C-alpha atoms as a PDB file:
ATOM      1  CA  MET A   1     105.224  87.038 115.816  1.00  0.00           C
ATOM      2  CA  SER A   2     108.632  86.549 114.204  1.00  0.00           C
ATOM      3  CA  ARG A   3     110.400  87.347 117.481  1.00  0.00           C
ATOM      4  CA  GLU A   4     108.332  84.818 119.374  1.00  0.00           C
ATOM      5  CA  ALA A   5     108.892  82.170 116.707  1.00  0.00           C
ATOM      6  CA  ALA A   6     112.640  82.795 116.748  1.00  0.00           C
ATOM      7  CA  ILE A   7     112.786  82.437 120.525  1.00  0.00           C
ATOM      8  CA  LEU A   8     110.881  79.149 120.319  1.00  0.00           C
ATOM      9  CA  GLY A   9     113.337  77.734 117.798  1.00  0.00           C
ATOM     10  CA  THR A  10     111.349  78.122 114.599  1.00  0.00           C
ATOM     11  CA  ARG A  11     113.349  79.627 111.765  1.00  0.00           C
ATOM     12  CA  ALA A  12     111.855  83.098 111.445  1.00  0.00           C
ATOM     13  CA  TYR A  13     112.296  85.864 108.903  1.00  0.00           C
ATOM     14  CA  THR A  14     111.756  89.601 108.783  1.00  0.00           C
ATOM     15  CA  VAL A  15     111.051  91.851 105.828  1.00  0.00           C
ATOM     16  CA  PHE A  16     110.254  94.858 107.997  1.00  0.00           C
ATOM     17  CA  ALA A  17     110.768  97.980 105.886  1.00  0.00           C
ATOM     18  CA  GLY A  18     111.567 100.388 108.699  1.00  0.00           C
ATOM     19  CA  LYS A  19     114.472 100.705 111.087  1.00  0.00           C
ATOM     20  CA  LEU A  20     114.901  97.430 112.971  1.00  0.00           C
ATOM     21  CA  ALA A  21     114.379  97.459 116.704  1.00  0.00           C
ATOM     22  CA  ALA A  22     117.396  96.628 118.870  1.00  0.00           C
ATOM     23  CA  VAL A  23     115.869  93.295 119.828  1.00  0.00           C
ATOM     24  CA  ASP A  24     115.494  92.345 116.150  1.00  0.00           C
ATOM     25  CA  ARG A  25     119.108  93.308 115.437  1.00  0.00           C
ATOM     26  CA  GLU A  26     120.246  91.142 118.335  1.00  0.00           C
ATOM     27  CA  LEU A  27     118.113  88.195 117.233  1.00  0.00           C
ATOM     28  CA  ILE A  28     119.656  88.520 113.764  1.00  0.00           C
ATOM     29  CA  ARG A  29     123.147  88.724 115.257  1.00  0.00           C
ATOM     30  CA  LEU A  30     122.458  85.551 117.250  1.00  0.00           C
ATOM     31  CA  GLY A  31     121.231  83.790 114.107  1.00  0.00           C
ATOM     32  CA  TRP A  32     117.725  83.334 115.497  1.00  0.00           C
ATOM     33  CA  LEU A  33     116.011  85.742 113.083  1.00  0.00           C
ATOM     34  CA  PHE A  34     116.864  86.160 109.412  1.00  0.00           C
ATOM     35  CA  ASP A  35     116.575  89.442 107.510  1.00  0.00           C
ATOM     36  CA  LEU A  36     115.347  88.750 103.989  1.00  0.00           C
ATOM     37  CA  ARG A  37     116.133  92.321 102.952  1.00  0.00           C
ATOM     38  CA  GLN A  38     119.849  91.441 102.976  1.00  0.00           C
ATOM     39  CA  GLY A  39     119.483  88.842 100.250  1.00  0.00           C
ATOM     40  CA  GLY A  40     121.231  85.508 100.089  1.00  0.00           C
ATOM     41  CA  THR A  41     119.109  84.006 102.881  1.00  0.00           C
ATOM     42  CA  GLU A  42     117.878  80.516 102.085  1.00  0.00           C
ATOM     43  CA  LEU A  43     114.214  80.034 102.954  1.00  0.00           C
ATOM     44  CA  THR A  44     113.490  76.928 104.998  1.00  0.00           C
ATOM     45  CA  PHE A  45     110.435  76.101 107.044  1.00  0.00           C
ATOM     46  CA  GLU A  46     111.564  73.380 109.415  1.00  0.00           C
ATOM     47  CA  LYS A  47     111.635  73.535 113.173  1.00  0.00           C
ATOM     48  CA  LYS A  48     114.973  72.083 114.267  1.00  0.00           C
ATOM     49  CA  LEU A  49     115.363  72.535 117.989  1.00  0.00           C
ATOM     50  CA  GLU A  50     117.829  69.655 118.194  1.00  0.00           C
ATOM     51  CA  GLU A  51     120.352  71.746 116.244  1.00  0.00           C
ATOM     52  CA  SER A  52     120.117  74.589 118.709  1.00  0.00           C
ATOM     53  CA  PRO A  53     122.454  74.562 121.708  1.00  0.00           C
ATOM     54  CA  HIS A  54     119.790  76.419 123.682  1.00  0.00           C
ATOM     55  CA  THR A  55     116.406  75.328 124.961  1.00  0.00           C
ATOM     56  CA  ALA A  56     113.388  77.524 124.339  1.00  0.00           C
ATOM     57  CA  ALA A  57     113.489  78.544 128.012  1.00  0.00           C
ATOM     58  CA  GLU A  58     117.144  79.561 127.748  1.00  0.00           C
ATOM     59  CA  ARG A  59     116.456  81.507 124.575  1.00  0.00           C
ATOM     60  CA  GLY A  60     113.467  83.190 126.193  1.00  0.00           C
ATOM     61  CA  ALA A  61     115.536  84.142 129.238  1.00  0.00           C
ATOM     62  CA  ARG A  62     118.306  85.523 126.996  1.00  0.00           C
ATOM     63  CA  THR A  63     115.807  87.573 125.026  1.00  0.00           C
ATOM     64  CA  LEU A  64     114.177  88.885 128.186  1.00  0.00           C
ATOM     65  CA  ASP A  65     117.605  89.951 129.452  1.00  0.00           C
ATOM     66  CA  LEU A  66     118.242  91.679 126.137  1.00  0.00           C
ATOM     67  CA  VAL A  67     114.927  93.551 126.271  1.00  0.00           C
ATOM     68  CA  VAL A  68     115.450  94.614 129.908  1.00  0.00           C
ATOM     69  CA  ASP A  69     118.997  95.804 129.151  1.00  0.00           C
ATOM     70  CA  THR A  70     117.770  97.745 126.113  1.00  0.00           C
ATOM     71  CA  VAL A  71     115.025  99.448 128.128  1.00  0.00           C
ATOM     72  CA  ARG A  72     117.472 100.331 130.916  1.00  0.00           C
ATOM     73  CA  ASN A  73     120.008 101.727 128.466  1.00  0.00           C
ATOM     74  CA  THR A  74     117.332 103.731 126.670  1.00  0.00           C
ATOM     75  CA  ALA A  75     115.932 105.079 129.943  1.00  0.00           C
ATOM     76  CA  ARG A  76     119.370 106.482 130.870  1.00  0.00           C
ATOM     77  CA  HIS A  77     119.146 108.868 127.931  1.00  0.00           C
ATOM     78  CA  PHE A  78     116.000 110.565 129.227  1.00  0.00           C
END
């Protein structure tokens, strides 16, 4: 649910122990998802959509594009 929360504008964190999926790496790169394994991440639990330059719909569309691109790129290798 961390991906969904991040797309909706809720500060979301991951502590996933395995290799991160490409979508998680991109969400981290965009600053939408925070990796607590890296250390130095301040924990906050506020939803602050007004600080985001993107609406939830725009973020959802961007994430969908990212997922589709990742699937297409992966499919080329098979």
